[in-house]
């Protein structure tokens, strides 16, 4: 795979990969939750999913900032 030519291209590729990662993580964690009855394991999985969601949001914001800085430099 070729290296991204711009920050905008890097952001677009990264968003696609993050979306796939989030989908796989949710699917896997829900599968794990299905092995156990409702309780501490499912509560921890819910917290982990919340943390992942916050992390993905923060990362997306950082990528947006980087793209904006690149536009300002151009």
PDB file of N, CA and C in Angstrom:
ATOM      1  N   UNK A   1       0.841  -1.170   0.000  1.00  0.00           N
ATOM      2  CA  UNK A   1       0.000   0.000   0.000  1.00  0.00           C
ATOM      3  C   UNK A   1       0.889   1.237   0.000  1.00  0.00           C
ATOM      4  N   UNK A   2       0.562   2.173  -0.847  1.00  0.00           N
ATOM      5  CA  UNK A   2       1.337   3.399  -0.973  1.00  0.00           C
ATOM      6  C   UNK A   2       1.141   4.300   0.238  1.00  0.00           C
ATOM      7  N   UNK A   3       2.166   5.071   0.515  1.00  0.00           N
ATOM      8  CA  UNK A   3       2.114   6.025   1.624  1.00  0.00           C
ATOM      9  C   UNK A   3       1.158   7.165   1.260  1.00  0.00           C
ATOM     10  N   UNK A   4       0.350   7.652   2.213  1.00  0.00           N
ATOM     11  CA  UNK A   4      -0.571   8.758   1.904  1.00  0.00           C
ATOM     12  C   UNK A   4       0.179   9.990   1.403  1.00  0.00           C
ATOM     13  N   UNK A   5      -0.400  10.669   0.431  1.00  0.00           N
ATOM     14  CA  UNK A   5       0.250  11.831  -0.172  1.00  0.00           C
ATOM     15  C   UNK A   5       0.026  13.117   0.613  1.00  0.00           C
ATOM     16  N   UNK A   6      -1.005  13.130   1.435  1.00  0.00           N
ATOM     17  CA  UNK A   6      -1.311  14.348   2.191  1.00  0.00           C
ATOM     18  C   UNK A   6      -1.923  13.965   3.533  1.00  0.00           C
ATOM     19  N   UNK A   7      -2.017  14.958   4.401  1.00  0.00           N
ATOM     20  CA  UNK A   7      -2.658  14.718   5.694  1.00  0.00           C
ATOM     21  C   UNK A   7      -4.130  14.355   5.506  1.00  0.00           C
ATOM     22  N   UNK A   8      -4.757  14.977   4.511  1.00  0.00           N
ATOM     23  CA  UNK A   8      -6.169  14.680   4.226  1.00  0.00           C
ATOM     24  C   UNK A   8      -6.331  13.220   3.802  1.00  0.00           C
ATOM     25  N   UNK A   9      -5.444  12.745   2.948  1.00  0.00           N
ATOM     26  CA  UNK A   9      -5.468  11.352   2.513  1.00  0.00           C
ATOM     27  C   UNK A   9      -5.182  10.422   3.693  1.00  0.00           C
ATOM     28  N   UNK A  10      -4.226  10.799   4.524  1.00  0.00           N
ATOM     29  CA  UNK A  10      -3.899   9.984   5.699  1.00  0.00           C
ATOM     30  C   UNK A  10      -5.088   9.908   6.642  1.00  0.00           C
ATOM     31  N   UNK A  11      -5.783  11.025   6.812  1.00  0.00           N
ATOM     32  CA  UNK A  11      -6.951  11.045   7.681  1.00  0.00           C
ATOM     33  C   UNK A  11      -8.047  10.133   7.131  1.00  0.00           C
ATOM     34  N   UNK A  12      -8.302  10.213   5.829  1.00  0.00           N
ATOM     35  CA  UNK A  12      -9.349   9.384   5.219  1.00  0.00           C
ATOM     36  C   UNK A  12      -9.034   7.895   5.392  1.00  0.00           C
ATOM     37  N   UNK A  13      -7.789   7.528   5.140  1.00  0.00           N
ATOM     38  CA  UNK A  13      -7.396   6.125   5.311  1.00  0.00           C
ATOM     39  C   UNK A  13      -7.509   5.701   6.769  1.00  0.00           C
ATOM     40  N   UNK A  14      -7.061   6.570   7.645  1.00  0.00           N
ATOM     41  CA  UNK A  14      -7.093   6.258   9.074  1.00  0.00           C
ATOM     42  C   UNK A  14      -8.517   6.094   9.574  1.00  0.00           C
ATOM     43  N   UNK A  15      -9.419   6.944   9.102  1.00  0.00           N
ATOM     44  CA  UNK A  15     -10.812   6.831   9.524  1.00  0.00           C
ATOM     45  C   UNK A  15     -11.415   5.499   9.085  1.00  0.00           C
ATOM     46  N   UNK A  16     -11.083   5.065   7.874  1.00  0.00           N
ATOM     47  CA  UNK A  16     -11.582   3.765   7.408  1.00  0.00           C
ATOM     48  C   UNK A  16     -11.058   2.638   8.296  1.00  0.00           C
ATOM     49  N   UNK A  17      -9.773   2.713   8.638  1.00  0.00           N
ATOM     50  CA  UNK A  17      -9.172   1.675   9.471  1.00  0.00           C
ATOM     51  C   UNK A  17      -9.724   1.719  10.893  1.00  0.00           C
ATOM     52  N   UNK A  18      -9.945   2.919  11.424  1.00  0.00           N
ATOM     53  CA  UNK A  18     -10.507   3.039  12.762  1.00  0.00           C
ATOM     54  C   UNK A  18     -11.936   2.507  12.808  1.00  0.00           C
ATOM     55  N   UNK A  19     -12.703   2.781  11.760  1.00  0.00           N
ATOM     56  CA  UNK A  19     -14.077   2.279  11.699  1.00  0.00           C
ATOM     57  C   UNK A  19     -14.083   0.753  11.707  1.00  0.00           C
ATOM     58  N   UNK A  20     -13.196   0.151  10.931  1.00  0.00           N
ATOM     59  CA  UNK A  20     -13.091  -1.312  10.893  1.00  0.00           C
ATOM     60  C   UNK A  20     -12.632  -1.859  12.242  1.00  0.00           C
ATOM     61  N   UNK A  21     -11.669  -1.189  12.855  1.00  0.00           N
ATOM     62  CA  UNK A  21     -11.171  -1.619  14.159  1.00  0.00           C
ATOM     63  C   UNK A  21     -12.268  -1.549  15.209  1.00  0.00           C
ATOM     64  N   UNK A  22     -13.015  -0.455  15.205  1.00  0.00           N
ATOM     65  CA  UNK A  22     -14.099  -0.304  16.178  1.00  0.00           C
ATOM     66  C   UNK A  22     -15.164  -1.385  15.979  1.00  0.00           C
ATOM     67  N   UNK A  23     -15.477  -1.670  14.725  1.00  0.00           N
ATOM     68  CA  UNK A  23     -16.480  -2.701  14.425  1.00  0.00           C
ATOM     69  C   UNK A  23     -16.008  -4.068  14.919  1.00  0.00           C
ATOM     70  N   UNK A  24     -14.731  -4.400  14.645  1.00  0.00           N
ATOM     71  CA  UNK A  24     -14.191  -5.692  15.102  1.00  0.00           C
ATOM     72  C   UNK A  24     -14.138  -5.761  16.615  1.00  0.00           C
ATOM     73  N   UNK A  25     -13.733  -4.674  17.251  1.00  0.00           N
ATOM     74  CA  UNK A  25     -13.634  -4.658  18.717  1.00  0.00           C
ATOM     75  C   UNK A  25     -15.014  -4.857  19.338  1.00  0.00           C
ATOM     76  N   UNK A  26     -16.003  -4.138  18.846  1.00  0.00           N
ATOM     77  CA  UNK A  26     -17.360  -4.280  19.381  1.00  0.00           C
ATOM     78  C   UNK A  26     -17.877  -5.706  19.184  1.00  0.00           C
ATOM     79  N   UNK A  27     -17.683  -6.229  17.995  1.00  0.00           N
ATOM     80  CA  UNK A  27     -18.148  -7.583  17.703  1.00  0.00           C
ATOM     81  C   UNK A  27     -17.498  -8.604  18.634  1.00  0.00           C
ATOM     82  N   UNK A  28     -16.189  -8.500  18.797  1.00  0.00           N
ATOM     83  CA  UNK A  28     -15.460  -9.442  19.649  1.00  0.00           C
ATOM     84  C   UNK A  28     -15.876  -9.315  21.105  1.00  0.00           C
ATOM     85  N   UNK A  29     -15.994  -8.084  21.574  1.00  0.00           N
ATOM     86  CA  UNK A  29     -16.368  -7.883  22.978  1.00  0.00           C
ATOM     87  C   UNK A  29     -17.799  -8.341  23.247  1.00  0.00           C
ATOM     88  N   UNK A  30     -18.708  -8.111  22.313  1.00  0.00           N
ATOM     89  CA  UNK A  30     -20.079  -8.611  22.492  1.00  0.00           C
ATOM     90  C   UNK A  30     -20.103 -10.142  22.492  1.00  0.00           C
ATOM     91  N   UNK A  31     -19.263 -10.736  21.671  1.00  0.00           N
ATOM     92  CA  UNK A  31     -19.158 -12.197  21.663  1.00  0.00           C
ATOM     93  C   UNK A  31     -18.671 -12.700  23.021  1.00  0.00           C
ATOM     94  N   UNK A  32     -17.647 -12.057  23.561  1.00  0.00           N
ATOM     95  CA  UNK A  32     -17.133 -12.439  24.882  1.00  0.00           C
ATOM     96  C   UNK A  32     -18.215 -12.265  25.942  1.00  0.00           C
ATOM     97  N   UNK A  33     -18.955 -11.167  25.875  1.00  0.00           N
ATOM     98  CA  UNK A  33     -20.021 -10.925  26.850  1.00  0.00           C
ATOM     99  C   UNK A  33     -21.052 -12.047  26.817  1.00  0.00           C
ATOM    100  N   UNK A  34     -21.263 -12.623  25.632  1.00  0.00           N
ATOM    101  CA  UNK A  34     -22.230 -13.704  25.500  1.00  0.00           C
ATOM    102  C   UNK A  34     -21.813 -14.980  26.211  1.00  0.00           C
ATOM    103  N   UNK A  35     -20.543 -15.121  26.551  1.00  0.00           N
ATOM    104  CA  UNK A  35     -20.069 -16.305  27.263  1.00  0.00           C
ATOM    105  C   UNK A  35     -20.440 -16.279  28.740  1.00  0.00           C
ATOM    106  N   UNK A  36     -20.814 -15.109  29.241  1.00  0.00           N
ATOM    107  CA  UNK A  36     -21.061 -14.934  30.669  1.00  0.00           C
ATOM    108  C   UNK A  36     -22.459 -14.395  30.899  1.00  0.00           C
ATOM    109  N   UNK A  37     -22.977 -14.666  32.085  1.00  0.00           N
ATOM    110  CA  UNK A  37     -24.253 -14.084  32.474  1.00  0.00           C
ATOM    111  C   UNK A  37     -24.051 -12.601  32.743  1.00  0.00           C
ATOM    112  N   UNK A  38     -25.159 -11.874  32.745  1.00  0.00           N
ATOM    113  CA  UNK A  38     -25.100 -10.439  33.039  1.00  0.00           C
ATOM    114  C   UNK A  38     -24.455 -10.239  34.405  1.00  0.00           C
ATOM    115  N   UNK A  39     -23.451  -9.396  34.450  1.00  0.00           N
ATOM    116  CA  UNK A  39     -22.762  -9.164  35.713  1.00  0.00           C
ATOM    117  C   UNK A  39     -21.491  -8.379  35.518  1.00  0.00           C
ATOM    118  N   UNK A  40     -20.460  -8.686  36.324  1.00  0.00           N
ATOM    119  CA  UNK A  40     -19.231  -7.898  36.290  1.00  0.00           C
ATOM    120  C   UNK A  40     -18.524  -7.903  34.930  1.00  0.00           C
ATOM    121  N   UNK A  41     -18.529  -9.038  34.257  1.00  0.00           N
ATOM    122  CA  UNK A  41     -17.838  -9.108  32.960  1.00  0.00           C
ATOM    123  C   UNK A  41     -18.512  -8.183  31.948  1.00  0.00           C
ATOM    124  N   UNK A  42     -19.828  -8.251  31.870  1.00  0.00           N
ATOM    125  CA  UNK A  42     -20.526  -7.393  30.903  1.00  0.00           C
ATOM    126  C   UNK A  42     -20.403  -5.914  31.292  1.00  0.00           C
ATOM    127  N   UNK A  43     -20.372  -5.621  32.578  1.00  0.00           N
ATOM    128  CA  UNK A  43     -20.193  -4.232  33.024  1.00  0.00           C
ATOM    129  C   UNK A  43     -18.808  -3.721  32.615  1.00  0.00           C
ATOM    130  N   UNK A  44     -17.785  -4.566  32.777  1.00  0.00           N
ATOM    131  CA  UNK A  44     -16.435  -4.169  32.369  1.00  0.00           C
ATOM    132  C   UNK A  44     -16.339  -3.989  30.858  1.00  0.00           C
ATOM    133  N   UNK A  45     -17.019  -4.841  30.117  1.00  0.00           N
ATOM    134  CA  UNK A  45     -17.025  -4.721  28.664  1.00  0.00           C
ATOM    135  C   UNK A  45     -17.709  -3.418  28.252  1.00  0.00           C
ATOM    136  N   UNK A  46     -18.819  -3.081  28.912  1.00  0.00           N
ATOM    137  CA  UNK A  46     -19.494  -1.817  28.615  1.00  0.00           C
ATOM    138  C   UNK A  46     -18.574  -0.626  28.882  1.00  0.00           C
ATOM    139  N   UNK A  47     -17.847  -0.675  29.996  1.00  0.00           N
ATOM    140  CA  UNK A  47     -16.907   0.410  30.308  1.00  0.00           C
ATOM    141  C   UNK A  47     -15.790   0.477  29.268  1.00  0.00           C
ATOM    142  N   UNK A  48     -15.290  -0.675  28.872  1.00  0.00           N
ATOM    143  CA  UNK A  48     -14.228  -0.712  27.861  1.00  0.00           C
ATOM    144  C   UNK A  48     -14.721  -0.130  26.537  1.00  0.00           C
ATOM    145  N   UNK A  49     -15.936  -0.460  26.153  1.00  0.00           N
ATOM    146  CA  UNK A  49     -16.495   0.087  24.917  1.00  0.00           C
ATOM    147  C   UNK A  49     -16.652   1.603  25.009  1.00  0.00           C
ATOM    148  N   UNK A  50     -17.066   2.095  26.171  1.00  0.00           N
ATOM    149  CA  UNK A  50     -17.160   3.546  26.365  1.00  0.00           C
ATOM    150  C   UNK A  50     -15.787   4.194  26.234  1.00  0.00           C
ATOM    151  N   UNK A  51     -14.778   3.582  26.869  1.00  0.00           N
ATOM    152  CA  UNK A  51     -13.415   4.109  26.794  1.00  0.00           C
ATOM    153  C   UNK A  51     -12.899   4.102  25.356  1.00  0.00           C
ATOM    154  N   UNK A  52     -13.182   3.022  24.637  1.00  0.00           N
ATOM    155  CA  UNK A  52     -12.769   2.950  23.231  1.00  0.00           C
ATOM    156  C   UNK A  52     -13.435   4.052  22.422  1.00  0.00           C
ATOM    157  N   UNK A  53     -14.710   4.249  22.648  1.00  0.00           N
ATOM    158  CA  UNK A  53     -15.431   5.299  21.936  1.00  0.00           C
ATOM    159  C   UNK A  53     -14.836   6.670  22.195  1.00  0.00           C
ATOM    160  N   UNK A  54     -14.490   6.949  23.442  1.00  0.00           N
ATOM    161  CA  UNK A  54     -13.875   8.230  23.783  1.00  0.00           C
ATOM    162  C   UNK A  54     -12.490   8.351  23.140  1.00  0.00           C
ATOM    163  N   UNK A  55     -11.748   7.256  23.134  1.00  0.00           N
ATOM    164  CA  UNK A  55     -10.430   7.267  22.510  1.00  0.00           C
ATOM    165  C   UNK A  55     -10.505   7.500  21.014  1.00  0.00           C
ATOM    166  N   UNK A  56     -11.463   6.845  20.355  1.00  0.00           N
ATOM    167  CA  UNK A  56     -11.633   7.049  18.919  1.00  0.00           C
ATOM    168  C   UNK A  56     -12.025   8.497  18.628  1.00  0.00           C
ATOM    169  N   UNK A  57     -12.897   9.056  19.448  1.00  0.00           N
ATOM    170  CA  UNK A  57     -13.320  10.447  19.264  1.00  0.00           C
ATOM    171  C   UNK A  57     -12.137  11.398  19.411  1.00  0.00           C
ATOM    172  N   UNK A  58     -11.315  11.181  20.431  1.00  0.00           N
ATOM    173  CA  UNK A  58     -10.139  12.030  20.646  1.00  0.00           C
ATOM    174  C   UNK A  58      -9.150  11.905  19.490  1.00  0.00           C
ATOM    175  N   UNK A  59      -8.943  10.692  19.010  1.00  0.00           N
ATOM    176  CA  UNK A  59      -8.016  10.480  17.898  1.00  0.00           C
ATOM    177  C   UNK A  59      -8.517  11.165  16.627  1.00  0.00           C
ATOM    178  N   UNK A  60      -9.805  11.072  16.365  1.00  0.00           N
ATOM    179  CA  UNK A  60     -10.374  11.732  15.191  1.00  0.00           C
ATOM    180  C   UNK A  60     -10.201  13.250  15.288  1.00  0.00           C
ATOM    181  N   UNK A  61     -10.403  13.799  16.469  1.00  0.00           N
ATOM    182  CA  UNK A  61     -10.217  15.238  16.660  1.00  0.00           C
ATOM    183  C   UNK A  61      -8.759  15.632  16.419  1.00  0.00           C
ATOM    184  N   UNK A  62      -7.832  14.811  16.878  1.00  0.00           N
ATOM    185  CA  UNK A  62      -6.410  15.085  16.649  1.00  0.00           C
ATOM    186  C   UNK A  62      -6.078  15.053  15.162  1.00  0.00           C
ATOM    187  N   UNK A  63      -6.655  14.106  14.450  1.00  0.00           N
ATOM    188  CA  UNK A  63      -6.416  14.042  13.004  1.00  0.00           C
ATOM    189  C   UNK A  63      -6.988  15.268  12.310  1.00  0.00           C
ATOM    190  N   UNK A  64      -8.177  15.716  12.735  1.00  0.00           N
ATOM    191  CA  UNK A  64      -8.767  16.925  12.160  1.00  0.00           C
ATOM    192  C   UNK A  64      -7.850  18.125  12.387  1.00  0.00           C
ATOM    193  N   UNK A  65      -7.310  18.236  13.594  1.00  0.00           N
ATOM    194  CA  UNK A  65      -6.385  19.337  13.907  1.00  0.00           C
ATOM    195  C   UNK A  65      -5.147  19.286  13.021  1.00  0.00           C
ATOM    196  N   UNK A  66      -4.626  18.088  12.808  1.00  0.00           N
ATOM    197  CA  UNK A  66      -3.425  17.934  11.972  1.00  0.00           C
ATOM    198  C   UNK A  66      -3.723  18.338  10.531  1.00  0.00           C
ATOM    199  N   UNK A  67      -4.886  17.954  10.027  1.00  0.00           N
ATOM    200  CA  UNK A  67      -5.278  18.341   8.661  1.00  0.00           C
ATOM    201  C   UNK A  67      -5.417  19.861   8.578  1.00  0.00           C
ATOM    202  N   UNK A  68      -6.016  20.470   9.598  1.00  0.00           N
ATOM    203  CA  UNK A  68      -6.166  21.933   9.605  1.00  0.00           C
ATOM    204  C   UNK A  68      -4.803  22.632   9.614  1.00  0.00           C
ATOM    205  N   UNK A  69      -3.862  22.115  10.421  1.00  0.00           N
ATOM    206  CA  UNK A  69      -2.518  22.705  10.455  1.00  0.00           C
ATOM    207  C   UNK A  69      -1.825  22.580   9.104  1.00  0.00           C
ATOM    208  N   UNK A  70      -2.019  21.459   8.444  1.00  0.00           N
ATOM    209  CA  UNK A  70      -1.418  21.263   7.116  1.00  0.00           C
ATOM    210  C   UNK A  70      -1.994  22.259   6.108  1.00  0.00           C
ATOM    211  N   UNK A  71      -3.287  22.530   6.205  1.00  0.00           N
ATOM    212  CA  UNK A  71      -3.917  23.505   5.305  1.00  0.00           C
ATOM    213  C   UNK A  71      -3.330  24.901   5.539  1.00  0.00           C
ATOM    214  N   UNK A  72      -3.094  25.217   6.813  1.00  0.00           N
ATOM    215  CA  UNK A  72      -2.543  26.535   7.137  1.00  0.00           C
ATOM    216  C   UNK A  72      -1.111  26.691   6.604  1.00  0.00           C
ATOM    217  N   UNK A  73      -0.348  25.594   6.601  1.00  0.00           N
ATOM    218  CA  UNK A  73       1.034  25.636   6.109  1.00  0.00           C
ATOM    219  C   UNK A  73       1.080  25.773   4.596  1.00  0.00           C
ATOM    220  N   UNK A  74       0.034  25.295   3.928  1.00  0.00           N
ATOM    221  CA  UNK A  74       0.033  25.298   2.449  1.00  0.00           C
ATOM    222  C   UNK A  74      -0.266  26.653   1.876  1.00  0.00           C
TER     223      UNK A  74
END
